[in-house]
């Protein structure tokens, strides 16, 4: 029961985050969630650092960078389109 409540709270907070800080920032923070879980596992629970974790961290960070760059390009293209039409 408690687990479901925490999931509901997390989803409601995510909707509010998307509304107030924007969908891009919410997506980037959501994508970093697994990285946070890995770091907590390593430093709080003493889990071993493996090659699989390293590869996972690199993939997560690469995905976040790609998302951020795509959004930046999309924003830049919009600004360029506005400047050329005026």
Protein backbone atom coordinates (compact mmCIF):
# COMPACT_ATOMS: atom_id res chain seq x y z
CA UNK A 1 0.00 0.00 0.00
CA UNK A 2 2.77 2.46 0.92
CA UNK A 3 4.61 1.67 -2.29
CA UNK A 4 1.60 2.67 -4.40
CA UNK A 5 1.19 5.89 -2.44
CA UNK A 6 4.81 6.88 -3.13
CA UNK A 7 4.37 6.12 -6.82
CA UNK A 8 1.24 8.28 -6.96
CA UNK A 9 3.02 11.12 -5.14
CA UNK A 10 5.98 10.88 -7.54
CA UNK A 11 3.71 11.00 -10.59
CA UNK A 12 1.74 13.98 -9.26
CA UNK A 13 4.99 15.83 -8.53
CA UNK A 14 6.23 15.05 -12.03
CA UNK A 15 3.09 16.58 -13.55
CA UNK A 16 3.54 19.73 -11.44
CA UNK A 17 7.22 19.88 -12.40
CA UNK A 18 6.35 19.69 -16.09
CA UNK A 19 3.83 22.48 -15.61
CA UNK A 20 6.09 24.84 -13.66
CA UNK A 21 9.65 24.19 -14.91
CA UNK A 22 8.88 22.86 -18.36
CA UNK A 23 8.85 19.49 -20.01
CA UNK A 24 12.51 19.55 -21.05
CA UNK A 25 13.85 20.12 -17.54
CA UNK A 26 11.44 17.51 -16.18
CA UNK A 27 12.57 14.97 -18.79
CA UNK A 28 16.24 15.61 -18.06
CA UNK A 29 15.74 15.24 -14.32
CA UNK A 30 13.67 12.11 -14.89
CA UNK A 31 16.42 10.66 -17.05
CA UNK A 32 18.93 11.26 -14.26
CA UNK A 33 16.83 9.30 -11.75
CA UNK A 34 18.58 5.95 -12.44
CA UNK A 35 21.95 7.64 -12.01
CA UNK A 36 20.83 8.93 -8.63
CA UNK A 37 19.72 5.42 -7.66
CA UNK A 38 23.12 4.01 -8.65
CA UNK A 39 24.97 6.65 -6.64
CA UNK A 40 22.81 6.02 -3.57
CA UNK A 41 23.43 2.30 -3.95
CA UNK A 42 27.17 2.85 -4.16
CA UNK A 43 27.65 5.37 -1.38
CA UNK A 44 24.83 4.57 1.04
CA UNK A 45 24.44 0.82 0.67
CA UNK A 46 28.02 -0.05 -0.32
CA UNK A 47 27.17 -1.84 -3.56
CA UNK A 48 30.18 -2.76 -5.70
CA UNK A 49 31.03 -0.62 -8.72
CA UNK A 50 31.04 -2.83 -11.81
CA UNK A 51 31.70 -2.39 -15.51
CA UNK A 52 27.97 -2.71 -16.13
CA UNK A 53 27.28 0.21 -13.82
CA UNK A 54 29.93 2.30 -15.56
CA UNK A 55 28.45 1.53 -18.98
CA UNK A 56 24.97 2.32 -17.68
CA UNK A 57 26.10 5.65 -16.26
CA UNK A 58 27.76 6.59 -19.55
CA UNK A 59 24.62 5.65 -21.51
CA UNK A 60 22.37 7.64 -19.18
CA UNK A 61 24.58 10.72 -19.37
CA UNK A 62 24.82 10.40 -23.16
CA UNK A 63 21.04 10.22 -23.43
CA UNK A 64 20.62 13.31 -21.25
CA UNK A 65 23.16 15.24 -23.33
CA UNK A 66 21.44 14.19 -26.57
CA UNK A 67 18.04 15.29 -25.21
CA UNK A 68 19.43 18.63 -24.07
CA UNK A 69 21.21 19.24 -27.38
CA UNK A 70 18.11 18.34 -29.38
CA UNK A 71 15.99 20.73 -27.34
CA UNK A 72 18.61 23.47 -27.69
CA UNK A 73 18.70 22.96 -31.47
CA UNK A 74 14.91 23.01 -31.62
CA UNK A 75 14.86 26.27 -29.67
CA UNK A 76 17.63 27.78 -31.83
CA UNK A 77 15.78 26.79 -35.00
CA UNK A 78 12.62 28.50 -33.73
CA UNK A 79 14.51 31.69 -32.93
CA UNK A 80 16.20 31.61 -36.34
CA UNK A 81 12.84 31.11 -38.07
CA UNK A 82 11.35 34.05 -36.18
CA UNK A 83 14.28 36.30 -37.06
CA UNK A 84 14.17 35.40 -40.76
CA UNK A 85 10.43 35.96 -41.07
CA UNK A 86 10.44 39.43 -39.49
